Amino acid sequence: MVATSFVAALLASSLSAATRYVSLDSPNPTPPYATWETAARVIQDAVDTAKAGDTVLVTNGVYAVGERGYEWPVSGRVVVTNSIRLESVNGPLVTTIDGGGGMRCVYLGSNALLSGFTLTNGSGFLGGGVNQF
């Protein structure tokens, strides 16, 4: 009985997870960015719609737009404060987050995952590329 309850809870949690999409070439960026056709053009926009357990998939390009600044040290081009997965589709050779020389590239809250990006031109106290608390 306990195993059945655990499996049911696990299935329910995986069914509620969503995928958000980001593409610089999106023809019609529309929240909640649930398809490639309605993908966000700015990573932060998709991150802002994601809930814990969701995945934000980012396709090829140099992402140098967007910024969030909360209380220190939570600031950067992309700020992830909940437990989501932020992943590039094709890896770091073709997907870059550019801090522009004046800000951190990515801030990651606890239990957030960042995978498959090149981080460049970041600047920030306690980490210009990525800072995780």
Protein backbone atom coordinates (compact mmCIF):
# COMPACT_ATOMS: atom_id res chain seq x y z
CA MET A 1 0.00 0.00 0.00
CA VAL A 2 2.83 2.44 0.85
CA ALA A 3 4.62 1.65 -2.43
CA THR A 4 1.43 2.27 -4.40
CA SER A 5 0.92 5.65 -2.71
CA PHE A 6 4.53 6.62 -3.42
CA VAL A 7 4.25 5.69 -7.11
CA ALA A 8 0.97 7.61 -7.43
CA ALA A 9 2.53 10.70 -5.83
CA LEU A 10 5.58 10.42 -8.10
CA LEU A 11 3.41 10.15 -11.22
CA ALA A 12 1.27 13.09 -10.16
CA SER A 13 4.30 15.30 -9.61
CA SER A 14 5.85 14.40 -12.98
CA LEU A 15 2.54 15.00 -14.78
CA SER A 16 2.27 18.50 -13.35
CA ALA A 17 5.75 19.53 -14.57
CA ALA A 18 5.72 21.69 -17.69
CA THR A 19 8.26 22.65 -20.31
CA ARG A 20 8.77 26.29 -21.30
CA TYR A 21 10.62 27.22 -24.50
CA VAL A 22 13.02 30.03 -25.48
CA SER A 23 14.14 30.93 -28.99
CA LEU A 24 15.55 34.18 -30.35
CA ASP A 25 13.59 33.47 -33.56
CA SER A 26 10.22 32.87 -31.92
CA PRO A 27 7.50 34.08 -34.29
CA ASN A 28 4.90 34.73 -31.57
CA PRO A 29 6.20 34.94 -27.99
CA THR A 30 3.17 34.23 -25.82
CA PRO A 31 3.12 33.24 -22.13
CA PRO A 32 3.33 30.58 -20.82
CA TYR A 33 5.74 29.80 -23.71
CA ALA A 34 4.50 26.22 -23.95
CA THR A 35 5.55 25.50 -27.57
CA TRP A 36 8.38 26.47 -29.92
CA GLU A 37 5.87 28.57 -31.91
CA THR A 38 5.05 30.62 -28.78
CA ALA A 39 8.54 30.49 -27.23
CA ALA A 40 9.90 33.45 -25.27
CA ARG A 41 12.70 35.45 -26.88
CA VAL A 42 14.17 36.36 -23.47
CA ILE A 43 15.22 33.58 -21.08
CA GLN A 44 14.03 35.48 -18.00
CA ASP A 45 10.50 35.71 -19.40
CA ALA A 46 10.22 31.91 -19.60
CA VAL A 47 11.88 31.46 -16.21
CA ASP A 48 9.32 33.83 -14.68
CA THR A 49 6.45 31.61 -15.88
CA ALA A 50 8.07 28.35 -14.72
CA LYS A 51 6.98 26.65 -11.52
CA ALA A 52 8.99 24.30 -9.32
CA GLY A 53 9.75 21.10 -11.22
CA ASP A 54 9.39 22.70 -14.67
CA THR A 55 12.05 22.74 -17.39
CA VAL A 56 13.00 25.77 -19.49
CA LEU A 57 14.56 24.70 -22.80
CA VAL A 58 16.67 27.26 -24.67
CA THR A 59 17.69 26.86 -28.29
CA ASN A 60 20.79 28.18 -30.07
CA GLY A 61 21.86 31.80 -29.81
CA VAL A 62 23.57 34.48 -27.76
CA TYR A 63 21.17 35.69 -25.08
CA ALA A 64 22.27 39.19 -24.09
CA VAL A 65 18.90 40.71 -23.14
CA GLY A 66 17.03 40.56 -19.86
CA GLU A 67 17.90 41.40 -16.30
CA ARG A 68 16.58 40.88 -12.81
CA GLY A 69 17.70 42.63 -9.70
CA TYR A 70 16.27 41.74 -6.35
CA GLU A 71 18.00 42.15 -3.01
CA TRP A 72 21.76 41.55 -3.08
CA PRO A 73 23.13 39.11 -4.26
CA VAL A 74 20.11 38.01 -6.29
CA SER A 75 20.68 39.71 -9.63
CA GLY A 76 21.81 38.88 -13.14
CA ARG A 77 20.91 38.45 -16.79
CA VAL A 78 18.90 35.40 -15.68
CA VAL A 79 17.67 34.93 -12.11
CA VAL A 80 16.26 31.54 -11.12
CA THR A 81 14.77 31.56 -7.62
CA ASN A 82 12.77 28.33 -7.73
CA SER A 83 13.71 24.69 -8.34
CA ILE A 84 13.56 24.43 -12.12
CA ARG A 85 15.84 23.05 -14.82
CA LEU A 86 17.29 25.63 -17.22
CA GLU A 87 18.82 23.72 -20.14
CA SER A 88 20.12 24.42 -23.61
CA VAL A 89 18.89 22.16 -26.38
CA ASN A 90 22.18 21.78 -28.26
CA GLY A 91 24.85 22.58 -25.69
CA PRO A 92 27.39 25.26 -24.80
CA LEU A 93 29.02 25.52 -28.22
CA VAL A 94 25.88 27.14 -29.64
CA THR A 95 24.00 28.56 -26.61
CA THR A 96 25.45 31.50 -24.68
CA ILE A 97 24.28 33.77 -21.88
CA ASP A 98 26.17 37.08 -22.15
CA GLY A 99 26.36 39.33 -19.08
CA GLY A 100 27.42 42.28 -21.22
CA GLY A 101 30.34 43.09 -18.92
CA GLY A 102 28.13 44.80 -16.35
CA MET A 103 26.16 42.03 -14.66
CA ARG A 104 26.28 38.43 -13.54
CA CYS A 105 25.18 35.94 -16.20
CA VAL A 106 23.06 33.68 -13.98
CA TYR A 107 21.91 33.58 -10.37
CA LEU A 108 20.66 30.13 -9.27
CA GLY A 109 18.57 29.61 -6.18
CA SER A 110 18.76 26.37 -4.21
CA ASN A 111 17.73 23.22 -6.10
CA ALA A 112 17.84 24.96 -9.50
CA LEU A 113 19.84 23.34 -12.31
CA LEU A 114 21.72 25.06 -15.14
CA SER A 115 23.01 22.87 -17.97
CA GLY A 116 24.57 23.32 -21.39
CA PHE A 117 25.40 27.03 -21.64
CA THR A 118 28.51 29.10 -22.23
CA LEU A 119 28.54 32.01 -19.77
CA THR A 120 30.53 35.02 -20.95
CA ASN A 121 31.20 38.67 -20.04
CA GLY A 122 29.71 38.30 -16.58
CA SER A 123 30.52 40.67 -13.76
CA GLY A 124 29.43 40.44 -10.15
CA PHE A 125 30.55 40.18 -6.58
CA LEU A 126 30.57 36.48 -5.59
CA GLY A 127 30.62 35.25 -9.18
CA GLY A 128 30.31 36.89 -12.57
CA GLY A 129 29.38 33.73 -14.47
CA VAL A 130 27.06 32.06 -12.00
CA ASN A 131 26.23 32.49 -8.35
CA GLN A 132 24.27 29.88 -6.45
CA PHE A 133 22.86 30.13 -2.96
